[in-house]
Amino acid sequence: MRQVFVHSTMKAMSELSVYEKQEPEIIPGDPSQKKKEPWWRGALDLLKFAVIAVIIVIPIRIYIAQPFVVDGHSMDPTFGPGQYLIVDEISYRFHAPERGDVIIFRPPKDPSLFYIKRIIGLPGETVKLTNKTVMIINDAHPYGFYLN
């Protein structure tokens, strides 16, 4: 049966006109029949992937979240040196910072640095430090209250 099939296929191929083309028989798994793509097609796919990644990552990095590494002991024991943080960039667009929040900011004297600090005083309040205690004086507490 296989010989008849091959014979009839060969006969049909010889009867084709000059203008007709017939695709060769594809045998699955035969490496000699694998089409080779040009080298630049792979480079183009890689470039497409890189552009899409940049389009997605950069807005997230600028407007939503940013990575930081803690440098120094000023926030011990909450955050230690070398600790990796992902900082939310979008929350304070919807509400103001509150007492107890940890923020990262650039100091006015050296904007190349970043400081990480906890908010203890809010606008319009007076903060007094005495013997390692923190007293907050505001309109609601004219004689002040102590922070833990």
N, C-alpha and C. Protein backbone atom coordinates (compact mmCIF):
# COMPACT_ATOMS: atom_id res chain seq x y z
N MET A 1 0.83 -1.18 0.00
CA MET A 1 0.00 0.00 0.00
C MET A 1 0.87 1.25 0.00
N ARG A 2 1.95 1.23 0.73
CA ARG A 2 2.85 2.38 0.79
C ARG A 2 3.49 2.61 -0.58
N GLN A 3 3.85 1.55 -1.30
CA GLN A 3 4.47 1.70 -2.62
C GLN A 3 3.50 2.32 -3.62
N VAL A 4 2.26 1.96 -3.53
CA VAL A 4 1.27 2.52 -4.45
C VAL A 4 1.12 4.01 -4.19
N PHE A 5 1.11 4.38 -2.92
CA PHE A 5 0.96 5.79 -2.56
C PHE A 5 2.14 6.60 -3.09
N VAL A 6 3.34 6.12 -2.88
CA VAL A 6 4.53 6.83 -3.35
C VAL A 6 4.52 6.91 -4.87
N HIS A 7 4.18 5.81 -5.51
CA HIS A 7 4.16 5.77 -6.98
C HIS A 7 3.15 6.76 -7.53
N SER A 8 1.93 6.78 -6.93
CA SER A 8 0.91 7.69 -7.44
C SER A 8 1.29 9.14 -7.15
N THR A 9 1.98 9.41 -6.04
CA THR A 9 2.42 10.77 -5.74
C THR A 9 3.48 11.19 -6.73
N MET A 10 4.43 10.33 -7.05
CA MET A 10 5.48 10.65 -8.00
C MET A 10 4.88 10.90 -9.39
N LYS A 11 3.89 10.09 -9.75
CA LYS A 11 3.26 10.26 -11.04
C LYS A 11 2.52 11.60 -11.10
N ALA A 12 1.82 11.95 -10.00
CA ALA A 12 1.09 13.21 -9.96
C ALA A 12 2.05 14.38 -10.03
N MET A 13 3.23 14.28 -9.40
CA MET A 13 4.20 15.37 -9.43
C MET A 13 4.76 15.56 -10.83
N SER A 14 4.93 14.47 -11.58
CA SER A 14 5.49 14.60 -12.92
C SER A 14 4.47 15.19 -13.89
N GLU A 15 3.19 15.07 -13.58
CA GLU A 15 2.15 15.60 -14.45
C GLU A 15 1.82 17.06 -14.18
N LEU A 16 2.43 17.69 -13.17
CA LEU A 16 2.16 19.10 -12.86
C LEU A 16 2.69 19.97 -13.99
N SER A 17 2.00 21.05 -14.23
CA SER A 17 2.48 21.98 -15.25
C SER A 17 3.68 22.74 -14.70
N VAL A 18 4.35 23.47 -15.54
CA VAL A 18 5.55 24.21 -15.18
C VAL A 18 5.22 25.31 -14.17
N TYR A 19 4.02 25.89 -14.24
CA TYR A 19 3.65 27.01 -13.40
C TYR A 19 3.14 26.60 -12.02
N GLU A 20 2.81 25.38 -11.81
CA GLU A 20 2.28 24.92 -10.54
C GLU A 20 3.42 24.48 -9.63
N LYS A 21 3.25 24.78 -8.35
CA LYS A 21 4.25 24.34 -7.38
C LYS A 21 3.56 23.44 -6.38
N GLN A 22 4.29 22.46 -5.90
CA GLN A 22 3.76 21.58 -4.88
C GLN A 22 4.75 21.56 -3.72
N GLU A 23 4.23 21.72 -2.51
CA GLU A 23 5.07 21.70 -1.32
C GLU A 23 5.59 20.28 -1.11
N PRO A 24 6.85 20.14 -0.72
CA PRO A 24 7.37 18.81 -0.44
C PRO A 24 6.69 18.23 0.80
N GLU A 25 6.70 16.93 0.90
CA GLU A 25 6.08 16.26 2.03
C GLU A 25 6.87 16.57 3.29
N ILE A 26 6.15 17.00 4.36
CA ILE A 26 6.80 17.36 5.61
C ILE A 26 6.72 16.17 6.55
N ILE A 27 7.86 15.76 7.02
CA ILE A 27 7.94 14.65 7.96
C ILE A 27 8.21 15.24 9.34
N PRO A 28 7.28 15.06 10.28
CA PRO A 28 7.46 15.64 11.61
C PRO A 28 8.75 15.13 12.28
N GLY A 29 9.50 16.05 12.89
CA GLY A 29 10.70 15.68 13.62
C GLY A 29 11.95 15.57 12.76
N ASP A 30 11.86 15.80 11.46
CA ASP A 30 13.02 15.71 10.58
C ASP A 30 13.77 17.05 10.62
N PRO A 31 15.00 17.08 11.22
CA PRO A 31 15.72 18.35 11.35
C PRO A 31 16.16 18.94 10.02
N SER A 32 16.29 18.15 8.99
CA SER A 32 16.71 18.68 7.69
C SER A 32 15.60 19.52 7.05
N GLN A 33 14.35 19.33 7.47
CA GLN A 33 13.25 20.06 6.88
C GLN A 33 12.87 21.31 7.69
N LYS A 34 13.60 21.60 8.75
CA LYS A 34 13.30 22.76 9.59
C LYS A 34 13.73 24.03 8.86
N LYS A 35 12.82 25.00 8.79
CA LYS A 35 13.15 26.26 8.13
C LYS A 35 14.02 27.10 9.06
N LYS A 36 15.06 27.69 8.51
CA LYS A 36 15.94 28.53 9.30
C LYS A 36 15.51 29.98 9.13
N GLU A 37 15.29 30.65 10.29
CA GLU A 37 14.90 32.04 10.26
C GLU A 37 16.15 32.92 10.25
N PRO A 38 16.07 34.10 9.67
CA PRO A 38 17.23 35.00 9.69
C PRO A 38 17.57 35.42 11.12
N TRP A 39 18.84 35.74 11.36
CA TRP A 39 19.30 36.10 12.70
C TRP A 39 18.60 37.33 13.24
N TRP A 40 18.24 38.24 12.38
CA TRP A 40 17.67 39.50 12.82
C TRP A 40 16.25 39.34 13.34
N ARG A 41 15.58 38.25 12.99
CA ARG A 41 14.22 38.05 13.49
C ARG A 41 14.22 37.81 15.00
N GLY A 42 15.20 37.06 15.48
CA GLY A 42 15.33 36.84 16.93
C GLY A 42 15.69 38.14 17.65
N ALA A 43 16.57 38.93 17.02
CA ALA A 43 16.95 40.21 17.61
C ALA A 43 15.75 41.15 17.65
N LEU A 44 14.92 41.12 16.63
CA LEU A 44 13.72 41.95 16.59
C LEU A 44 12.74 41.55 17.70
N ASP A 45 12.57 40.25 17.93
CA ASP A 45 11.70 39.78 19.01
C ASP A 45 12.23 40.23 20.37
N LEU A 46 13.54 40.16 20.55
CA LEU A 46 14.15 40.61 21.80
C LEU A 46 13.94 42.11 21.99
N LEU A 47 14.10 42.87 20.93
CA LEU A 47 13.89 44.32 21.00
C LEU A 47 12.44 44.65 21.35
N LYS A 48 11.48 43.94 20.76
CA LYS A 48 10.06 44.15 21.07
C LYS A 48 9.81 43.89 22.55
N PHE A 49 10.37 42.79 23.06
CA PHE A 49 10.20 42.44 24.47
C PHE A 49 10.77 43.53 25.37
N ALA A 50 11.96 44.04 25.04
CA ALA A 50 12.60 45.08 25.85
C ALA A 50 11.78 46.36 25.84
N VAL A 51 11.25 46.75 24.69
CA VAL A 51 10.45 47.98 24.61
C VAL A 51 9.17 47.84 25.43
N ILE A 52 8.52 46.72 25.34
CA ILE A 52 7.29 46.50 26.11
C ILE A 52 7.60 46.51 27.60
N ALA A 53 8.70 45.89 28.01
CA ALA A 53 9.09 45.88 29.42
C ALA A 53 9.36 47.29 29.92
N VAL A 54 10.05 48.09 29.14
CA VAL A 54 10.35 49.47 29.54
C VAL A 54 9.06 50.29 29.65
N ILE A 55 8.15 50.11 28.70
CA ILE A 55 6.88 50.85 28.72
C ILE A 55 6.07 50.50 29.97
N ILE A 56 6.18 49.27 30.44
CA ILE A 56 5.44 48.86 31.63
C ILE A 56 6.18 49.26 32.91
N VAL A 57 7.49 49.05 32.98
CA VAL A 57 8.24 49.22 34.22
C VAL A 57 8.46 50.68 34.59
N ILE A 58 8.80 51.53 33.65
CA ILE A 58 9.16 52.91 33.99
C ILE A 58 8.00 53.67 34.64
N PRO A 59 6.78 53.64 34.13
CA PRO A 59 5.70 54.34 34.84
C PRO A 59 5.44 53.78 36.24
N ILE A 60 5.55 52.46 36.39
CA ILE A 60 5.37 51.86 37.72
C ILE A 60 6.45 52.37 38.66
N ARG A 61 7.68 52.39 38.18
CA ARG A 61 8.83 52.82 38.98
C ARG A 61 8.73 54.29 39.38
N ILE A 62 8.21 55.14 38.51
CA ILE A 62 8.14 56.56 38.79
C ILE A 62 6.91 56.93 39.62
N TYR A 63 5.75 56.37 39.29
CA TYR A 63 4.50 56.84 39.89
C TYR A 63 3.90 55.93 40.95
N ILE A 64 4.27 54.67 41.01
CA ILE A 64 3.58 53.74 41.91
C ILE A 64 4.47 53.23 43.04
N ALA A 65 5.62 52.65 42.73
CA ALA A 65 6.47 52.07 43.76
C ALA A 65 7.93 52.26 43.38
N GLN A 66 8.76 52.43 44.43
CA GLN A 66 10.18 52.64 44.19
C GLN A 66 10.99 51.84 45.21
N PRO A 67 12.05 51.19 44.79
CA PRO A 67 12.87 50.43 45.75
C PRO A 67 13.89 51.33 46.44
N PHE A 68 14.15 51.05 47.71
CA PHE A 68 15.17 51.75 48.48
C PHE A 68 15.88 50.75 49.38
N VAL A 69 17.13 51.05 49.68
CA VAL A 69 17.90 50.26 50.63
C VAL A 69 18.24 51.17 51.81
N VAL A 70 17.94 50.70 53.02
CA VAL A 70 18.19 51.49 54.22
C VAL A 70 19.69 51.57 54.45
N ASP A 71 20.16 52.80 54.72
CA ASP A 71 21.58 53.03 54.99
C ASP A 71 21.70 53.78 56.31
N GLY A 72 22.18 53.12 57.34
CA GLY A 72 22.34 53.76 58.63
C GLY A 72 21.41 53.17 59.67
N HIS A 73 21.58 53.63 60.91
CA HIS A 73 20.85 53.06 62.05
C HIS A 73 19.78 53.99 62.60
N SER A 74 19.44 55.07 61.91
CA SER A 74 18.52 56.06 62.47
C SER A 74 17.11 55.51 62.68
N MET A 75 16.73 54.43 62.00
CA MET A 75 15.38 53.88 62.15
C MET A 75 15.36 52.56 62.91
N ASP A 76 16.46 52.21 63.60
CA ASP A 76 16.47 50.99 64.41
C ASP A 76 15.43 51.12 65.52
N PRO A 77 14.71 50.12 65.88
CA PRO A 77 14.71 48.74 65.41
C PRO A 77 13.71 48.48 64.28
N THR A 78 13.01 49.51 63.81
CA THR A 78 12.01 49.30 62.76
C THR A 78 12.66 48.85 61.45
N PHE A 79 13.64 49.61 60.99
CA PHE A 79 14.35 49.27 59.76
C PHE A 79 15.85 49.32 60.04
N GLY A 80 16.55 48.27 59.66
CA GLY A 80 17.98 48.20 59.89
C GLY A 80 18.77 48.46 58.62
N PRO A 81 20.08 48.68 58.77
CA PRO A 81 20.93 48.95 57.59
C PRO A 81 20.92 47.76 56.62
N GLY A 82 20.86 48.08 55.33
CA GLY A 82 20.87 47.05 54.29
C GLY A 82 19.50 46.46 53.99
N GLN A 83 18.49 46.83 54.76
CA GLN A 83 17.15 46.29 54.52
C GLN A 83 16.57 46.91 53.25
N TYR A 84 15.95 46.08 52.44
CA TYR A 84 15.39 46.48 51.15
C TYR A 84 13.92 46.82 51.33
N LEU A 85 13.51 48.02 50.86
CA LEU A 85 12.13 48.47 51.00
C LEU A 85 11.54 48.79 49.63
N ILE A 86 10.27 48.51 49.46
CA ILE A 86 9.52 48.97 48.30
C ILE A 86 8.58 50.06 48.82
N VAL A 87 8.77 51.28 48.33
CA VAL A 87 8.06 52.43 48.86
C VAL A 87 6.88 52.78 47.95
N ASP A 88 5.73 52.94 48.57
CA ASP A 88 4.50 53.32 47.88
C ASP A 88 4.58 54.79 47.50
N GLU A 89 4.45 55.09 46.21
CA GLU A 89 4.54 56.47 45.72
C GLU A 89 3.17 57.10 45.50
N ILE A 90 2.11 56.33 45.61
CA ILE A 90 0.80 56.82 45.19
C ILE A 90 -0.13 57.20 46.36
N SER A 91 0.07 56.67 47.56
CA SER A 91 -0.86 56.88 48.68
C SER A 91 -1.02 58.35 49.04
N TYR A 92 0.08 59.09 49.09
CA TYR A 92 -0.01 60.48 49.52
C TYR A 92 -0.60 61.39 48.45
N ARG A 93 -0.95 60.86 47.32
CA ARG A 93 -1.70 61.64 46.33
C ARG A 93 -3.18 61.70 46.71
N PHE A 94 -3.61 60.76 47.60
CA PHE A 94 -5.02 60.68 48.00
C PHE A 94 -5.27 61.15 49.42
N HIS A 95 -4.24 61.12 50.28
CA HIS A 95 -4.41 61.62 51.65
C HIS A 95 -3.08 62.16 52.16
N ALA A 96 -3.17 63.05 53.15
CA ALA A 96 -1.96 63.68 53.70
C ALA A 96 -1.25 62.71 54.64
N PRO A 97 0.05 62.89 54.81
CA PRO A 97 0.78 62.05 55.78
C PRO A 97 0.23 62.26 57.19
N GLU A 98 0.28 61.21 57.99
CA GLU A 98 -0.24 61.24 59.36
C GLU A 98 0.88 60.94 60.35
N ARG A 99 0.65 61.28 61.60
CA ARG A 99 1.62 60.98 62.65
C ARG A 99 1.85 59.46 62.71
N GLY A 100 3.08 59.07 62.77
CA GLY A 100 3.44 57.65 62.84
C GLY A 100 3.83 57.06 61.49
N ASP A 101 3.48 57.73 60.39
CA ASP A 101 3.87 57.24 59.06
C ASP A 101 5.39 57.33 58.89
N VAL A 102 5.95 56.38 58.18
CA VAL A 102 7.36 56.43 57.81
C VAL A 102 7.43 56.97 56.40
N ILE A 103 8.25 58.01 56.21
CA ILE A 103 8.37 58.63 54.89
C ILE A 103 9.83 58.64 54.44
N ILE A 104 10.01 58.73 53.14
CA ILE A 104 11.34 58.89 52.56
C ILE A 104 11.32 60.20 51.80
N PHE A 105 12.33 61.04 52.05
CA PHE A 105 12.36 62.36 51.42
C PHE A 105 13.81 62.76 51.16
N ARG A 106 13.97 63.79 50.34
CA ARG A 106 15.29 64.36 50.06
C ARG A 106 15.49 65.57 50.97
N PRO A 107 16.61 65.63 51.68
CA PRO A 107 16.84 66.81 52.52
C PRO A 107 17.14 68.03 51.66
N PRO A 108 16.72 69.22 52.10
CA PRO A 108 16.92 70.42 51.28
C PRO A 108 18.39 70.76 51.03
N LYS A 109 19.27 70.46 51.98
CA LYS A 109 20.68 70.84 51.84
C LYS A 109 21.46 69.92 50.90
N ASP A 110 21.02 68.67 50.74
CA ASP A 110 21.71 67.74 49.83
C ASP A 110 20.68 66.85 49.13
N PRO A 111 20.09 67.33 48.02
CA PRO A 111 19.03 66.56 47.35
C PRO A 111 19.50 65.27 46.69
N SER A 112 20.80 64.97 46.72
CA SER A 112 21.27 63.70 46.16
C SER A 112 21.03 62.54 47.13
N LEU A 113 20.74 62.85 48.39
CA LEU A 113 20.50 61.83 49.42
C LEU A 113 19.01 61.60 49.61
N PHE A 114 18.70 60.49 50.29
CA PHE A 114 17.34 60.21 50.72
C PHE A 114 17.38 59.94 52.22
N TYR A 115 16.44 60.51 52.96
CA TYR A 115 16.31 60.23 54.39
C TYR A 115 15.04 59.42 54.60
N ILE A 116 15.09 58.51 55.57
CA ILE A 116 13.90 57.76 55.98
C ILE A 116 13.64 58.12 57.44
N LYS A 117 12.45 58.65 57.71
CA LYS A 117 12.09 59.12 59.06
C LYS A 117 10.62 58.84 59.34
N ARG A 118 10.30 58.82 60.64
CA ARG A 118 8.91 58.66 61.08
C ARG A 118 8.35 60.04 61.41
N ILE A 119 7.12 60.32 61.00
CA ILE A 119 6.48 61.60 61.28
C ILE A 119 6.01 61.61 62.73
N ILE A 120 6.46 62.61 63.49
CA ILE A 120 5.96 62.76 64.87
C ILE A 120 5.23 64.08 65.05
N GLY A 121 5.58 65.08 64.26
CA GLY A 121 4.90 66.37 64.36
C GLY A 121 4.22 66.73 63.05
N LEU A 122 3.06 67.35 63.15
CA LEU A 122 2.29 67.77 61.98
C LEU A 122 2.30 69.28 61.88
N PRO A 123 1.90 69.86 60.75
CA PRO A 123 1.89 71.32 60.61
C PRO A 123 1.06 71.98 61.72
N GLY A 124 1.61 73.06 62.28
CA GLY A 124 0.92 73.80 63.33
C GLY A 124 1.18 73.25 64.73
N GLU A 125 1.98 72.21 64.89
CA GLU A 125 2.27 71.64 66.19
C GLU A 125 3.69 72.03 66.62
N THR A 126 3.90 71.99 67.93
CA THR A 126 5.22 72.21 68.49
C THR A 126 5.69 70.89 69.08
N VAL A 127 6.94 70.54 68.79
CA VAL A 127 7.51 69.28 69.28
C VAL A 127 8.60 69.64 70.28
N LYS A 128 8.51 69.09 71.51
CA LYS A 128 9.53 69.31 72.54
C LYS A 128 10.17 67.97 72.90
N LEU A 129 11.49 67.95 72.89
CA LEU A 129 12.24 66.76 73.27
C LEU A 129 12.94 67.03 74.59
N THR A 130 12.64 66.23 75.61
CA THR A 130 13.31 66.35 76.90
C THR A 130 13.55 64.97 77.48
N ASN A 131 14.80 64.69 77.84
CA ASN A 131 15.16 63.40 78.45
C ASN A 131 14.58 62.20 77.70
N LYS A 132 14.76 62.17 76.43
CA LYS A 132 14.29 61.07 75.56
C LYS A 132 12.78 60.91 75.55
N THR A 133 12.04 61.94 75.89
CA THR A 133 10.58 61.92 75.76
C THR A 133 10.17 62.98 74.76
N VAL A 134 9.10 62.69 74.04
CA VAL A 134 8.61 63.60 73.00
C VAL A 134 7.25 64.12 73.42
N MET A 135 7.13 65.45 73.48
CA MET A 135 5.85 66.08 73.82
C MET A 135 5.37 66.86 72.59
N ILE A 136 4.10 66.69 72.28
CA ILE A 136 3.47 67.38 71.16
C ILE A 136 2.47 68.39 71.73
N ILE A 137 2.60 69.64 71.31
CA ILE A 137 1.66 70.68 71.73
C ILE A 137 0.92 71.16 70.48
N ASN A 138 -0.43 71.11 70.54
CA ASN A 138 -1.24 71.56 69.41
C ASN A 138 -2.52 72.20 69.94
N ASP A 139 -3.42 72.59 69.05
CA ASP A 139 -4.67 73.25 69.45
C ASP A 139 -5.54 72.34 70.31
N ALA A 140 -5.58 71.06 70.02
CA ALA A 140 -6.41 70.12 70.77
C ALA A 140 -5.79 69.83 72.13
N HIS A 141 -4.47 69.94 72.27
CA HIS A 141 -3.77 69.67 73.53
C HIS A 141 -2.83 70.83 73.83
N PRO A 142 -3.36 71.96 74.35
CA PRO A 142 -2.50 73.13 74.58
C PRO A 142 -1.42 72.90 75.63
N TYR A 143 -1.60 71.92 76.51
CA TYR A 143 -0.57 71.62 77.52
C TYR A 143 0.30 70.47 77.06
N GLY A 144 -0.03 69.94 75.90
CA GLY A 144 0.80 68.88 75.30
C GLY A 144 0.41 67.48 75.70
N PHE A 145 0.91 66.54 74.94
CA PHE A 145 0.77 65.11 75.25
C PHE A 145 2.06 64.44 74.85
N TYR A 146 2.33 63.30 75.48
CA TYR A 146 3.59 62.59 75.26
C TYR A 146 3.37 61.44 74.27
N LEU A 147 4.36 61.26 73.42
CA LEU A 147 4.35 60.11 72.51
C LEU A 147 5.05 58.94 73.16
N ASN A 148 4.62 57.73 72.85
CA ASN A 148 5.30 56.54 73.35
C ASN A 148 6.61 56.35 72.63
